[in-house]
């Protein structure tokens, strides 16, 4: 039976943390958002063990203040990709490649992939995530941060019946590969590289009184 903390579910939160840990996540950024979506608190690089031990207290405190708990996992073993804004049916189609699916609001699902041989370099990883999101038909603006399972989704449009973040399928340790995603047609083609423009020659400097003119840029005056 789930260990309840008010209207929250500590066991679901622990299961989400375990799922991320099973694919190499050892640290998390934690953000608190108020009902309008404004940041109310931020902690960087909280360890997996620390979150496990503090999760019940965090859930109780956030629920009492109507704060949503958002975590950003950081894995050293795989490239994590968040696929957002799916229906239940669409999430089920991606399930064979996922280690976890999350329901963040009624009929709104996220699918999480762990790509064992994904790009390591930051810019290449960013581009690869974008290609997978496009290939899967997911929201292109996903940031890699997720509302904690077992916590309440405090948004004004849901008041007063705030939905709880729930878990769907959880497959501990399941990773996929670039080849498997390609075979499933889940990677969009690389964008065409535009031809390099021919740089214009620098205009000749004009002499005045034996010195070269130089352009002095004035600071931009903000509009009132």
N, C-alpha and C. Protein backbone atom coordinates (compact mmCIF):
# COMPACT_ATOMS: atom_id res chain seq x y z
N UNK A 1 0.85 -1.19 0.00
CA UNK A 1 0.00 0.00 0.00
C UNK A 1 0.89 1.24 0.00
N UNK A 2 0.47 2.26 -0.73
CA UNK A 2 1.26 3.48 -0.81
C UNK A 2 1.29 4.17 0.54
N UNK A 3 2.44 4.78 0.84
CA UNK A 3 2.61 5.54 2.07
C UNK A 3 2.14 6.96 1.79
N UNK A 4 0.97 7.30 2.30
CA UNK A 4 0.37 8.58 1.97
C UNK A 4 0.91 9.69 2.86
N UNK A 5 1.07 10.88 2.30
CA UNK A 5 1.46 12.07 3.06
C UNK A 5 0.46 13.15 2.71
N UNK A 6 -0.65 13.22 3.47
CA UNK A 6 -1.73 14.11 3.10
C UNK A 6 -2.38 13.59 1.84
N UNK A 7 -2.47 14.45 0.84
CA UNK A 7 -3.01 14.04 -0.45
C UNK A 7 -1.91 13.59 -1.41
N UNK A 8 -0.71 13.45 -0.91
CA UNK A 8 0.41 13.06 -1.76
C UNK A 8 0.72 11.58 -1.56
N UNK A 9 1.64 11.07 -2.35
CA UNK A 9 1.96 9.65 -2.32
C UNK A 9 3.48 9.49 -2.31
N UNK A 10 4.04 9.29 -1.11
CA UNK A 10 5.49 9.20 -0.98
C UNK A 10 6.06 7.98 -1.70
N UNK A 11 5.30 6.88 -1.74
CA UNK A 11 5.81 5.68 -2.39
C UNK A 11 5.98 5.90 -3.89
N UNK A 12 5.05 6.63 -4.50
CA UNK A 12 5.18 6.94 -5.93
C UNK A 12 6.41 7.80 -6.18
N UNK A 13 6.66 8.75 -5.30
CA UNK A 13 7.84 9.59 -5.44
C UNK A 13 9.11 8.75 -5.35
N UNK A 14 9.16 7.83 -4.38
CA UNK A 14 10.33 6.96 -4.23
C UNK A 14 10.52 6.06 -5.44
N UNK A 15 9.41 5.60 -6.03
CA UNK A 15 9.50 4.75 -7.21
C UNK A 15 10.06 5.53 -8.39
N UNK A 16 9.65 6.79 -8.55
CA UNK A 16 10.20 7.62 -9.63
C UNK A 16 11.70 7.81 -9.42
N UNK A 17 12.11 8.12 -8.21
CA UNK A 17 13.53 8.29 -7.94
C UNK A 17 14.30 7.00 -8.23
N UNK A 18 13.73 5.86 -7.85
CA UNK A 18 14.38 4.58 -8.13
C UNK A 18 14.50 4.34 -9.64
N UNK A 19 13.48 4.72 -10.39
CA UNK A 19 13.53 4.55 -11.84
C UNK A 19 14.64 5.38 -12.46
N UNK A 20 14.75 6.63 -12.02
CA UNK A 20 15.84 7.46 -12.54
C UNK A 20 17.20 6.90 -12.11
N UNK A 21 17.28 6.45 -10.87
CA UNK A 21 18.53 5.89 -10.39
C UNK A 21 18.94 4.65 -11.16
N UNK A 22 17.96 3.87 -11.63
CA UNK A 22 18.27 2.63 -12.34
C UNK A 22 18.90 2.86 -13.70
N UNK A 23 18.78 4.10 -14.24
CA UNK A 23 19.39 4.43 -15.53
C UNK A 23 20.52 5.45 -15.35
N UNK A 24 21.08 5.49 -14.14
CA UNK A 24 22.30 6.25 -13.93
C UNK A 24 22.17 7.62 -13.33
N UNK A 25 20.95 8.05 -12.97
CA UNK A 25 20.80 9.37 -12.37
C UNK A 25 21.25 9.34 -10.92
N UNK A 26 22.20 10.19 -10.59
CA UNK A 26 22.72 10.25 -9.23
C UNK A 26 22.48 11.60 -8.58
N UNK A 27 22.11 12.60 -9.36
CA UNK A 27 21.89 13.94 -8.81
C UNK A 27 20.69 14.57 -9.50
N UNK A 28 20.04 15.49 -8.79
CA UNK A 28 18.82 16.13 -9.28
C UNK A 28 18.82 17.61 -8.89
N UNK A 29 18.35 18.45 -9.81
CA UNK A 29 18.00 19.82 -9.45
C UNK A 29 16.54 19.80 -9.02
N UNK A 30 16.21 20.53 -7.96
CA UNK A 30 14.85 20.54 -7.43
C UNK A 30 14.33 21.98 -7.45
N UNK A 31 13.15 22.17 -8.04
CA UNK A 31 12.53 23.48 -8.13
C UNK A 31 11.13 23.43 -7.53
N UNK A 32 10.77 24.46 -6.80
CA UNK A 32 9.40 24.62 -6.30
C UNK A 32 8.71 25.72 -7.10
N UNK A 33 7.51 25.43 -7.58
CA UNK A 33 6.72 26.40 -8.35
C UNK A 33 5.42 26.68 -7.62
N UNK A 34 5.00 27.95 -7.62
CA UNK A 34 3.70 28.25 -7.02
C UNK A 34 2.60 28.00 -8.04
N UNK A 35 1.39 28.31 -7.66
CA UNK A 35 0.24 27.96 -8.49
C UNK A 35 0.23 28.73 -9.81
N UNK A 36 0.94 29.87 -9.85
CA UNK A 36 1.06 30.64 -11.11
C UNK A 36 2.26 30.20 -11.93
N UNK A 37 3.01 29.21 -11.45
CA UNK A 37 4.16 28.71 -12.18
C UNK A 37 5.44 29.49 -11.93
N UNK A 38 5.46 30.35 -10.91
CA UNK A 38 6.65 31.12 -10.60
C UNK A 38 7.53 30.36 -9.61
N UNK A 39 8.84 30.46 -9.84
CA UNK A 39 9.78 29.73 -8.99
C UNK A 39 9.78 30.28 -7.57
N UNK A 40 9.68 29.37 -6.61
CA UNK A 40 9.67 29.74 -5.20
C UNK A 40 10.88 29.19 -4.45
N UNK A 41 11.60 28.31 -5.07
CA UNK A 41 12.78 27.74 -4.44
C UNK A 41 13.54 26.88 -5.43
N UNK A 42 14.85 26.79 -5.24
CA UNK A 42 15.67 25.99 -6.16
C UNK A 42 16.85 25.42 -5.39
N UNK A 43 17.13 24.14 -5.61
CA UNK A 43 18.30 23.46 -5.06
C UNK A 43 18.99 22.69 -6.18
N UNK A 44 20.29 22.88 -6.29
CA UNK A 44 21.06 22.24 -7.35
C UNK A 44 21.77 20.99 -6.83
N UNK A 45 21.80 19.98 -7.68
CA UNK A 45 22.61 18.77 -7.43
C UNK A 45 22.32 18.12 -6.07
N UNK A 46 21.04 17.87 -5.83
CA UNK A 46 20.69 17.08 -4.65
C UNK A 46 20.95 15.61 -4.97
N UNK A 47 21.57 14.89 -4.07
CA UNK A 47 21.90 13.49 -4.34
C UNK A 47 20.65 12.62 -4.26
N UNK A 48 20.72 11.47 -4.91
CA UNK A 48 19.61 10.53 -4.88
C UNK A 48 19.31 10.10 -3.45
N UNK A 49 20.34 9.80 -2.68
CA UNK A 49 20.12 9.37 -1.29
C UNK A 49 19.46 10.48 -0.46
N UNK A 50 19.91 11.71 -0.67
CA UNK A 50 19.32 12.82 0.09
C UNK A 50 17.83 12.95 -0.20
N UNK A 51 17.45 12.85 -1.47
CA UNK A 51 16.04 12.97 -1.81
C UNK A 51 15.23 11.81 -1.24
N UNK A 52 15.80 10.62 -1.27
CA UNK A 52 15.08 9.47 -0.71
C UNK A 52 14.75 9.71 0.76
N UNK A 53 15.70 10.24 1.50
CA UNK A 53 15.50 10.41 2.93
C UNK A 53 14.60 11.61 3.27
N UNK A 54 14.55 12.59 2.39
CA UNK A 54 13.79 13.81 2.69
C UNK A 54 12.46 13.90 1.96
N UNK A 55 12.12 12.87 1.16
CA UNK A 55 11.00 13.03 0.23
C UNK A 55 9.67 13.22 0.95
N UNK A 56 9.43 12.53 2.04
CA UNK A 56 8.15 12.67 2.74
C UNK A 56 7.98 14.08 3.28
N UNK A 57 9.03 14.60 3.87
CA UNK A 57 8.98 15.97 4.39
C UNK A 57 8.76 16.96 3.25
N UNK A 58 9.45 16.76 2.13
CA UNK A 58 9.30 17.67 0.99
C UNK A 58 7.86 17.65 0.46
N UNK A 59 7.28 16.48 0.37
CA UNK A 59 5.91 16.37 -0.12
C UNK A 59 4.93 17.09 0.81
N UNK A 60 5.08 16.89 2.10
CA UNK A 60 4.18 17.52 3.06
C UNK A 60 4.31 19.04 3.02
N UNK A 61 5.55 19.52 2.99
CA UNK A 61 5.77 20.96 2.98
C UNK A 61 5.23 21.60 1.70
N UNK A 62 5.47 20.96 0.55
CA UNK A 62 5.01 21.51 -0.72
C UNK A 62 3.48 21.53 -0.79
N UNK A 63 2.85 20.46 -0.32
CA UNK A 63 1.39 20.41 -0.35
C UNK A 63 0.79 21.49 0.54
N UNK A 64 1.40 21.72 1.71
CA UNK A 64 0.88 22.73 2.61
C UNK A 64 0.97 24.13 2.06
N UNK A 65 1.97 24.40 1.22
CA UNK A 65 2.17 25.73 0.64
C UNK A 65 1.66 25.83 -0.80
N UNK A 66 1.03 24.77 -1.28
CA UNK A 66 0.56 24.70 -2.67
C UNK A 66 1.70 24.98 -3.66
N UNK A 67 2.79 24.27 -3.46
CA UNK A 67 3.93 24.33 -4.36
C UNK A 67 4.07 23.01 -5.11
N UNK A 68 4.32 23.09 -6.40
CA UNK A 68 4.65 21.91 -7.18
C UNK A 68 6.13 21.61 -7.05
N UNK A 69 6.47 20.32 -6.97
CA UNK A 69 7.87 19.90 -6.90
C UNK A 69 8.30 19.40 -8.28
N UNK A 70 9.33 20.03 -8.83
CA UNK A 70 9.85 19.67 -10.16
C UNK A 70 11.29 19.23 -10.00
N UNK A 71 11.64 18.08 -10.57
CA UNK A 71 13.01 17.59 -10.49
C UNK A 71 13.61 17.46 -11.89
N UNK A 72 14.90 17.73 -11.97
CA UNK A 72 15.65 17.54 -13.22
C UNK A 72 16.75 16.52 -12.95
N UNK A 73 16.61 15.29 -13.48
CA UNK A 73 17.62 14.25 -13.23
C UNK A 73 18.86 14.44 -14.08
N UNK A 74 19.99 14.01 -13.54
CA UNK A 74 21.26 14.06 -14.27
C UNK A 74 21.89 12.67 -14.23
N UNK A 75 22.01 12.05 -15.40
CA UNK A 75 22.53 10.69 -15.48
C UNK A 75 23.94 10.70 -16.05
N UNK A 76 24.79 9.85 -15.50
CA UNK A 76 26.14 9.68 -16.02
C UNK A 76 26.26 8.43 -16.89
N UNK A 77 25.18 7.65 -16.97
CA UNK A 77 25.24 6.37 -17.69
C UNK A 77 24.49 6.39 -19.01
N UNK A 78 23.60 7.35 -19.20
CA UNK A 78 22.77 7.36 -20.41
C UNK A 78 22.31 8.78 -20.70
N UNK A 79 21.91 9.00 -21.95
CA UNK A 79 21.30 10.27 -22.33
C UNK A 79 19.80 10.17 -22.06
N UNK A 80 19.30 10.97 -21.14
CA UNK A 80 17.88 10.95 -20.80
C UNK A 80 17.11 11.87 -21.73
N UNK A 81 15.98 11.36 -22.24
CA UNK A 81 15.14 12.15 -23.15
C UNK A 81 13.71 12.12 -22.64
N UNK A 82 13.15 13.28 -22.45
CA UNK A 82 11.77 13.45 -22.00
C UNK A 82 10.87 13.71 -23.21
N UNK A 83 9.88 12.86 -23.40
CA UNK A 83 8.90 13.04 -24.47
C UNK A 83 7.57 13.41 -23.82
N UNK A 84 7.11 14.62 -24.11
CA UNK A 84 5.98 15.18 -23.37
C UNK A 84 4.77 15.38 -24.27
N UNK A 85 3.63 15.57 -23.60
CA UNK A 85 2.38 15.93 -24.25
C UNK A 85 1.83 14.79 -25.11
N UNK A 86 1.77 13.59 -24.53
CA UNK A 86 1.23 12.42 -25.21
C UNK A 86 -0.11 12.02 -24.59
N UNK A 87 -0.96 11.43 -25.39
CA UNK A 87 -2.14 10.75 -24.87
C UNK A 87 -1.71 9.39 -24.31
N UNK A 88 -2.62 8.73 -23.63
CA UNK A 88 -2.31 7.41 -23.08
C UNK A 88 -1.96 6.43 -24.20
N UNK A 89 -2.70 6.48 -25.31
CA UNK A 89 -2.44 5.57 -26.43
C UNK A 89 -1.06 5.82 -27.04
N UNK A 90 -0.72 7.09 -27.22
CA UNK A 90 0.58 7.42 -27.80
C UNK A 90 1.71 7.00 -26.87
N UNK A 91 1.51 7.22 -25.57
CA UNK A 91 2.53 6.80 -24.59
C UNK A 91 2.72 5.30 -24.64
N UNK A 92 1.64 4.55 -24.81
CA UNK A 92 1.73 3.08 -24.86
C UNK A 92 2.54 2.62 -26.07
N UNK A 93 2.46 3.35 -27.18
CA UNK A 93 3.22 2.98 -28.36
C UNK A 93 4.72 3.11 -28.15
N UNK A 94 5.11 4.08 -27.31
CA UNK A 94 6.53 4.30 -27.04
C UNK A 94 7.04 3.46 -25.87
N UNK A 95 6.15 2.80 -25.17
CA UNK A 95 6.52 2.08 -23.95
C UNK A 95 7.63 1.06 -24.14
N UNK A 96 7.70 0.32 -25.28
CA UNK A 96 8.78 -0.67 -25.42
C UNK A 96 10.18 -0.07 -25.35
N UNK A 97 10.31 1.23 -25.58
CA UNK A 97 11.62 1.88 -25.56
C UNK A 97 11.87 2.64 -24.25
N UNK A 98 10.86 2.73 -23.39
CA UNK A 98 10.91 3.64 -22.24
C UNK A 98 11.21 2.90 -20.94
N UNK A 99 11.82 3.62 -20.00
CA UNK A 99 11.99 3.06 -18.66
C UNK A 99 10.91 3.58 -17.71
N UNK A 100 10.14 4.59 -18.16
CA UNK A 100 9.09 5.13 -17.30
C UNK A 100 8.12 5.99 -18.10
N UNK A 101 6.84 5.90 -17.74
CA UNK A 101 5.84 6.84 -18.23
C UNK A 101 5.19 7.52 -17.03
N UNK A 102 4.83 8.79 -17.22
CA UNK A 102 4.31 9.61 -16.13
C UNK A 102 3.05 10.31 -16.60
N UNK A 103 2.01 10.31 -15.76
CA UNK A 103 0.79 11.05 -16.06
C UNK A 103 0.81 12.32 -15.21
N UNK A 104 0.97 13.48 -15.86
CA UNK A 104 1.11 14.73 -15.13
C UNK A 104 -0.22 15.46 -14.93
N UNK A 105 -1.21 15.13 -15.74
CA UNK A 105 -2.56 15.69 -15.62
C UNK A 105 -3.48 14.78 -16.42
N UNK A 106 -4.80 14.95 -16.30
CA UNK A 106 -5.71 14.02 -16.98
C UNK A 106 -5.39 13.86 -18.47
N UNK A 107 -5.09 12.61 -18.87
CA UNK A 107 -4.78 12.24 -20.25
C UNK A 107 -3.62 13.02 -20.83
N UNK A 108 -2.66 13.38 -20.00
CA UNK A 108 -1.45 14.04 -20.48
C UNK A 108 -0.25 13.26 -19.91
N UNK A 109 0.49 12.62 -20.80
CA UNK A 109 1.54 11.70 -20.38
C UNK A 109 2.92 12.14 -20.87
N UNK A 110 3.92 11.77 -20.10
CA UNK A 110 5.31 11.87 -20.51
C UNK A 110 5.90 10.47 -20.64
N UNK A 111 6.81 10.33 -21.58
CA UNK A 111 7.57 9.09 -21.75
C UNK A 111 9.04 9.43 -21.58
N UNK A 112 9.74 8.64 -20.77
CA UNK A 112 11.17 8.88 -20.53
C UNK A 112 12.01 7.76 -21.13
N UNK A 113 12.99 8.17 -21.94
CA UNK A 113 13.93 7.24 -22.57
C UNK A 113 15.32 7.43 -21.98
N UNK A 114 16.07 6.35 -21.91
CA UNK A 114 17.48 6.39 -21.53
C UNK A 114 18.26 5.76 -22.68
N UNK A 115 19.02 6.57 -23.40
CA UNK A 115 19.76 6.10 -24.57
C UNK A 115 21.19 5.82 -24.16
N UNK A 116 21.56 4.55 -24.16
CA UNK A 116 22.86 4.15 -23.62
C UNK A 116 24.03 4.68 -24.42
N UNK A 117 23.86 4.83 -25.74
CA UNK A 117 24.96 5.29 -26.59
C UNK A 117 24.65 6.65 -27.22
N UNK A 118 23.86 7.47 -26.53
CA UNK A 118 23.55 8.80 -27.04
C UNK A 118 24.76 9.72 -26.98
N UNK A 119 24.72 10.83 -27.70
CA UNK A 119 25.84 11.77 -27.71
C UNK A 119 26.18 12.27 -26.31
N UNK A 120 27.45 12.47 -26.05
CA UNK A 120 27.90 12.95 -24.74
C UNK A 120 28.10 14.47 -24.73
N UNK A 121 28.58 15.01 -25.84
CA UNK A 121 28.85 16.44 -25.90
C UNK A 121 27.56 17.22 -25.80
N UNK A 122 27.56 18.35 -25.08
CA UNK A 122 26.33 19.05 -24.71
C UNK A 122 25.50 19.47 -25.92
N UNK A 123 26.11 20.10 -26.90
CA UNK A 123 25.35 20.60 -28.04
C UNK A 123 24.84 19.45 -28.89
N UNK A 124 25.66 18.41 -29.08
CA UNK A 124 25.22 17.25 -29.85
C UNK A 124 24.07 16.54 -29.15
N UNK A 125 24.13 16.45 -27.82
CA UNK A 125 23.05 15.82 -27.07
C UNK A 125 21.76 16.62 -27.19
N UNK A 126 21.87 17.93 -27.14
CA UNK A 126 20.70 18.80 -27.29
C UNK A 126 20.04 18.59 -28.65
N UNK A 127 20.85 18.55 -29.69
CA UNK A 127 20.30 18.36 -31.03
C UNK A 127 19.68 16.98 -31.19
N UNK A 128 20.31 15.97 -30.58
CA UNK A 128 19.76 14.62 -30.69
C UNK A 128 18.42 14.53 -29.97
N UNK A 129 18.32 15.12 -28.79
CA UNK A 129 17.03 15.13 -28.09
C UNK A 129 15.94 15.77 -28.95
N UNK A 130 16.28 16.88 -29.59
CA UNK A 130 15.30 17.57 -30.44
C UNK A 130 14.86 16.68 -31.59
N UNK A 131 15.79 15.96 -32.19
CA UNK A 131 15.44 15.08 -33.31
C UNK A 131 14.53 13.94 -32.86
N UNK A 132 14.79 13.40 -31.66
CA UNK A 132 13.93 12.33 -31.15
C UNK A 132 12.54 12.88 -30.84
N UNK A 133 12.46 14.05 -30.24
CA UNK A 133 11.15 14.64 -29.94
C UNK A 133 10.37 14.88 -31.22
N UNK A 134 11.03 15.37 -32.24
CA UNK A 134 10.35 15.58 -33.52
C UNK A 134 9.92 14.25 -34.13
N UNK A 135 10.80 13.28 -34.08
CA UNK A 135 10.49 11.98 -34.66
C UNK A 135 9.34 11.29 -33.95
N UNK A 136 9.23 11.50 -32.64
CA UNK A 136 8.17 10.87 -31.85
C UNK A 136 6.89 11.68 -31.82
N UNK A 137 6.95 12.91 -32.35
CA UNK A 137 5.77 13.76 -32.32
C UNK A 137 5.49 14.34 -30.95
N UNK A 138 6.54 14.54 -30.16
CA UNK A 138 6.39 15.09 -28.81
C UNK A 138 6.54 16.60 -28.83
N UNK A 139 6.25 17.21 -27.69
CA UNK A 139 6.41 18.64 -27.52
C UNK A 139 7.89 19.00 -27.67
N UNK A 140 8.18 19.94 -28.58
CA UNK A 140 9.56 20.30 -28.85
C UNK A 140 10.18 21.12 -27.72
N UNK A 141 9.36 21.70 -26.87
CA UNK A 141 9.87 22.62 -25.85
C UNK A 141 10.14 21.93 -24.51
N UNK A 142 10.06 20.61 -24.45
CA UNK A 142 10.33 19.91 -23.19
C UNK A 142 11.73 20.25 -22.69
N UNK A 143 11.87 20.41 -21.38
CA UNK A 143 13.12 20.90 -20.81
C UNK A 143 13.93 19.83 -20.09
N UNK A 144 13.38 18.64 -19.91
CA UNK A 144 14.08 17.61 -19.18
C UNK A 144 13.82 17.64 -17.69
N UNK A 145 12.84 18.45 -17.27
CA UNK A 145 12.44 18.51 -15.87
C UNK A 145 11.01 17.99 -15.75
N UNK A 146 10.72 17.26 -14.67
CA UNK A 146 9.42 16.61 -14.54
C UNK A 146 8.87 16.86 -13.14
N UNK A 147 7.56 16.99 -13.04
CA UNK A 147 6.91 17.09 -11.73
C UNK A 147 7.02 15.74 -11.03
N UNK A 148 7.36 15.79 -9.77
CA UNK A 148 7.63 14.59 -9.01
C UNK A 148 6.38 13.73 -8.84
N UNK A 149 6.50 12.46 -9.16
CA UNK A 149 5.38 11.54 -8.95
C UNK A 149 4.99 11.55 -7.47
N UNK A 150 3.69 11.45 -7.23
CA UNK A 150 3.20 11.47 -5.86
C UNK A 150 2.93 12.86 -5.33
N UNK A 151 3.40 13.90 -6.03
CA UNK A 151 3.12 15.28 -5.63
C UNK A 151 1.89 15.79 -6.37
N UNK A 152 1.40 16.94 -5.91
CA UNK A 152 0.22 17.53 -6.53
C UNK A 152 0.64 18.55 -7.59
N UNK A 153 -0.12 18.58 -8.66
CA UNK A 153 0.14 19.51 -9.76
C UNK A 153 -0.64 20.79 -9.50
N UNK A 154 0.02 21.74 -8.85
CA UNK A 154 -0.65 22.98 -8.49
C UNK A 154 -0.60 23.96 -9.65
N UNK A 155 -1.70 24.02 -10.39
CA UNK A 155 -1.90 25.02 -11.43
C UNK A 155 -3.29 25.60 -11.25
N UNK A 156 -3.41 26.90 -11.52
CA UNK A 156 -4.68 27.58 -11.24
C UNK A 156 -5.84 26.97 -12.02
N UNK A 157 -5.55 26.44 -13.21
CA UNK A 157 -6.65 25.90 -14.01
C UNK A 157 -7.21 24.61 -13.43
N UNK A 158 -6.48 23.98 -12.52
CA UNK A 158 -6.96 22.74 -11.92
C UNK A 158 -7.67 22.97 -10.58
N UNK A 159 -7.60 24.16 -10.04
CA UNK A 159 -8.18 24.43 -8.72
C UNK A 159 -9.69 24.18 -8.73
N UNK A 160 -10.26 23.68 -7.64
CA UNK A 160 -9.59 23.30 -6.39
C UNK A 160 -9.15 21.84 -6.35
N UNK A 161 -9.44 21.08 -7.42
CA UNK A 161 -9.14 19.64 -7.42
C UNK A 161 -7.82 19.39 -8.16
N UNK A 162 -6.72 19.64 -7.49
CA UNK A 162 -5.41 19.51 -8.12
C UNK A 162 -5.07 18.03 -8.33
N UNK A 163 -4.69 17.67 -9.56
CA UNK A 163 -4.39 16.25 -9.82
C UNK A 163 -3.05 15.84 -9.21
N UNK A 164 -2.95 14.59 -8.86
CA UNK A 164 -1.70 14.05 -8.34
C UNK A 164 -0.91 13.46 -9.50
N UNK A 165 0.39 13.64 -9.48
CA UNK A 165 1.26 13.08 -10.52
C UNK A 165 1.38 11.58 -10.29
N UNK A 166 1.02 10.79 -11.28
CA UNK A 166 1.02 9.34 -11.13
C UNK A 166 1.98 8.69 -12.12
N UNK A 167 2.36 7.47 -11.82
CA UNK A 167 3.24 6.70 -12.69
C UNK A 167 2.43 5.70 -13.48
N UNK A 168 2.83 5.52 -14.74
CA UNK A 168 2.24 4.46 -15.54
C UNK A 168 3.18 3.27 -15.52
N UNK A 169 3.80 3.00 -16.65
CA UNK A 169 4.73 1.88 -16.75
C UNK A 169 6.09 2.26 -16.20
N UNK A 170 6.68 1.38 -15.40
CA UNK A 170 8.03 1.57 -14.89
C UNK A 170 8.84 0.31 -15.17
N UNK A 171 9.93 0.46 -15.92
CA UNK A 171 10.81 -0.66 -16.25
C UNK A 171 12.22 -0.30 -15.77
N UNK A 172 12.54 -0.72 -14.57
CA UNK A 172 13.81 -0.35 -13.97
C UNK A 172 14.99 -0.81 -14.83
N UNK A 173 15.89 0.12 -15.09
CA UNK A 173 17.11 -0.20 -15.81
C UNK A 173 16.97 -0.34 -17.31
N UNK A 174 15.77 -0.16 -17.86
CA UNK A 174 15.62 -0.34 -19.31
C UNK A 174 16.26 0.81 -20.06
N UNK A 175 17.17 0.46 -20.95
CA UNK A 175 17.80 1.45 -21.82
C UNK A 175 17.54 1.08 -23.27
N UNK A 176 17.61 2.06 -24.12
CA UNK A 176 17.48 1.84 -25.55
C UNK A 176 18.76 2.34 -26.22
N UNK A 177 18.83 2.18 -27.54
CA UNK A 177 20.02 2.58 -28.28
C UNK A 177 19.62 3.47 -29.45
N UNK A 178 20.61 4.14 -30.00
CA UNK A 178 20.35 4.97 -31.19
C UNK A 178 19.83 4.10 -32.32
N UNK A 179 20.41 2.93 -32.50
CA UNK A 179 19.97 2.04 -33.58
C UNK A 179 18.53 1.61 -33.40
N UNK A 180 18.13 1.30 -32.16
CA UNK A 180 16.75 0.88 -31.91
C UNK A 180 15.77 2.01 -32.20
N UNK A 181 16.14 3.23 -31.84
CA UNK A 181 15.26 4.37 -32.12
C UNK A 181 15.18 4.65 -33.62
N UNK A 182 16.29 4.45 -34.32
CA UNK A 182 16.27 4.62 -35.78
C UNK A 182 15.38 3.57 -36.42
N UNK A 183 15.49 2.35 -35.96
CA UNK A 183 14.67 1.27 -36.53
C UNK A 183 13.19 1.53 -36.31
N UNK A 184 12.85 2.18 -35.20
CA UNK A 184 11.46 2.49 -34.89
C UNK A 184 11.01 3.81 -35.50
N UNK A 185 11.87 4.41 -36.33
CA UNK A 185 11.57 5.70 -36.98
C UNK A 185 11.24 6.80 -35.96
N UNK A 186 12.01 6.82 -34.89
CA UNK A 186 11.78 7.82 -33.83
C UNK A 186 12.83 8.92 -33.82
N UNK A 187 13.66 8.97 -34.86
CA UNK A 187 14.66 10.02 -34.95
C UNK A 187 14.43 10.80 -36.25
N UNK A 188 14.11 12.06 -36.12
CA UNK A 188 13.90 12.90 -37.30
C UNK A 188 15.24 13.13 -38.00
N UNK A 189 15.22 13.36 -39.32
CA UNK A 189 16.47 13.62 -40.04
C UNK A 189 17.17 14.86 -39.50
N UNK A 190 18.47 14.89 -39.68
CA UNK A 190 19.22 16.07 -39.30
C UNK A 190 18.78 17.24 -40.17
N UNK A 191 18.66 18.44 -39.58
CA UNK A 191 18.28 19.60 -40.39
C UNK A 191 19.35 19.91 -41.42
N UNK A 192 18.90 20.36 -42.59
CA UNK A 192 19.85 20.70 -43.65
C UNK A 192 20.69 21.89 -43.20
N UNK A 193 21.99 21.82 -43.47
CA UNK A 193 22.89 22.91 -43.11
C UNK A 193 22.84 23.98 -44.18
N UNK A 194 22.45 25.20 -43.84
CA UNK A 194 22.39 26.25 -44.86
C UNK A 194 23.79 26.57 -45.35
N UNK A 195 23.91 26.98 -46.64
CA UNK A 195 25.23 27.32 -47.16
C UNK A 195 25.80 28.52 -46.41
N UNK A 196 27.10 28.48 -46.21
CA UNK A 196 27.74 29.59 -45.52
C UNK A 196 27.66 30.84 -46.37
N UNK A 197 27.28 31.94 -45.78
CA UNK A 197 27.19 33.20 -46.52
C UNK A 197 28.59 33.76 -46.75
N UNK A 198 28.74 34.47 -47.82
CA UNK A 198 30.03 35.07 -48.15
C UNK A 198 30.17 36.34 -47.32
N UNK A 199 31.20 36.43 -46.48
CA UNK A 199 31.34 37.63 -45.65
C UNK A 199 31.60 38.86 -46.49
N UNK A 200 30.98 39.95 -46.09
CA UNK A 200 31.18 41.20 -46.80
C UNK A 200 32.51 41.80 -46.38
N UNK A 201 33.21 42.45 -47.32
CA UNK A 201 34.49 43.06 -46.95
C UNK A 201 34.26 44.21 -45.99
N UNK A 202 35.22 44.44 -45.10
CA UNK A 202 35.12 45.55 -44.18
C UNK A 202 35.23 46.86 -44.94
N UNK A 203 34.37 47.82 -44.63
CA UNK A 203 34.48 49.12 -45.31
C UNK A 203 35.78 49.81 -44.93
N UNK A 204 36.37 50.55 -45.86
CA UNK A 204 37.64 51.23 -45.54
C UNK A 204 37.43 52.28 -44.47
N UNK A 205 38.39 52.38 -43.59
CA UNK A 205 38.30 53.40 -42.54
C UNK A 205 38.60 54.76 -43.12
N UNK A 206 37.91 55.77 -42.57
CA UNK A 206 38.12 57.13 -43.04
C UNK A 206 39.04 57.87 -42.08
N UNK A 207 40.02 58.55 -42.64
CA UNK A 207 40.98 59.27 -41.81
C UNK A 207 40.49 60.68 -41.52
N UNK A 208 40.77 61.14 -40.32
CA UNK A 208 40.44 62.52 -39.96
C UNK A 208 41.49 63.02 -39.00
N UNK A 209 42.20 64.10 -39.44
CA UNK A 209 43.22 64.70 -38.61
C UNK A 209 44.28 63.67 -38.19
N UNK A 210 44.60 62.80 -39.15
CA UNK A 210 45.65 61.84 -38.89
C UNK A 210 45.24 60.64 -38.07
N UNK A 211 43.96 60.59 -37.66
CA UNK A 211 43.50 59.44 -36.89
C UNK A 211 42.34 58.77 -37.60
N UNK A 212 42.08 57.52 -37.26
CA UNK A 212 40.97 56.80 -37.85
C UNK A 212 39.71 57.08 -37.04
N UNK A 213 38.61 57.25 -37.77
CA UNK A 213 37.33 57.37 -37.09
C UNK A 213 37.01 56.03 -36.42
N UNK A 214 36.39 56.07 -35.28
CA UNK A 214 35.92 54.85 -34.66
C UNK A 214 34.49 55.06 -34.22
N UNK A 215 33.71 54.02 -34.35
CA UNK A 215 32.30 54.10 -33.99
C UNK A 215 32.14 53.87 -32.50
N UNK A 216 31.49 54.77 -31.85
CA UNK A 216 31.21 54.63 -30.42
C UNK A 216 29.75 54.27 -30.27
N UNK A 217 29.50 53.08 -29.79
CA UNK A 217 28.12 52.62 -29.65
C UNK A 217 27.54 53.18 -28.37
N UNK A 218 26.37 53.75 -28.48
CA UNK A 218 25.69 54.29 -27.31
C UNK A 218 24.89 53.20 -26.61
N UNK A 219 24.86 53.25 -25.29
CA UNK A 219 24.05 52.22 -24.59
C UNK A 219 22.59 52.32 -24.94
N UNK A 220 21.96 51.16 -25.04
CA UNK A 220 20.54 51.11 -25.39
C UNK A 220 19.71 51.64 -24.23
N UNK A 221 18.86 52.58 -24.56
CA UNK A 221 18.00 53.15 -23.53
C UNK A 221 16.72 52.33 -23.44
N UNK A 222 16.46 51.75 -22.28
CA UNK A 222 15.26 50.94 -22.11
C UNK A 222 14.01 51.79 -22.22
N UNK A 223 13.02 51.25 -22.84
CA UNK A 223 11.75 51.95 -22.93
C UNK A 223 11.10 52.05 -21.55
N UNK A 224 10.46 53.16 -21.30
CA UNK A 224 9.79 53.26 -19.98
C UNK A 224 8.64 52.31 -19.89
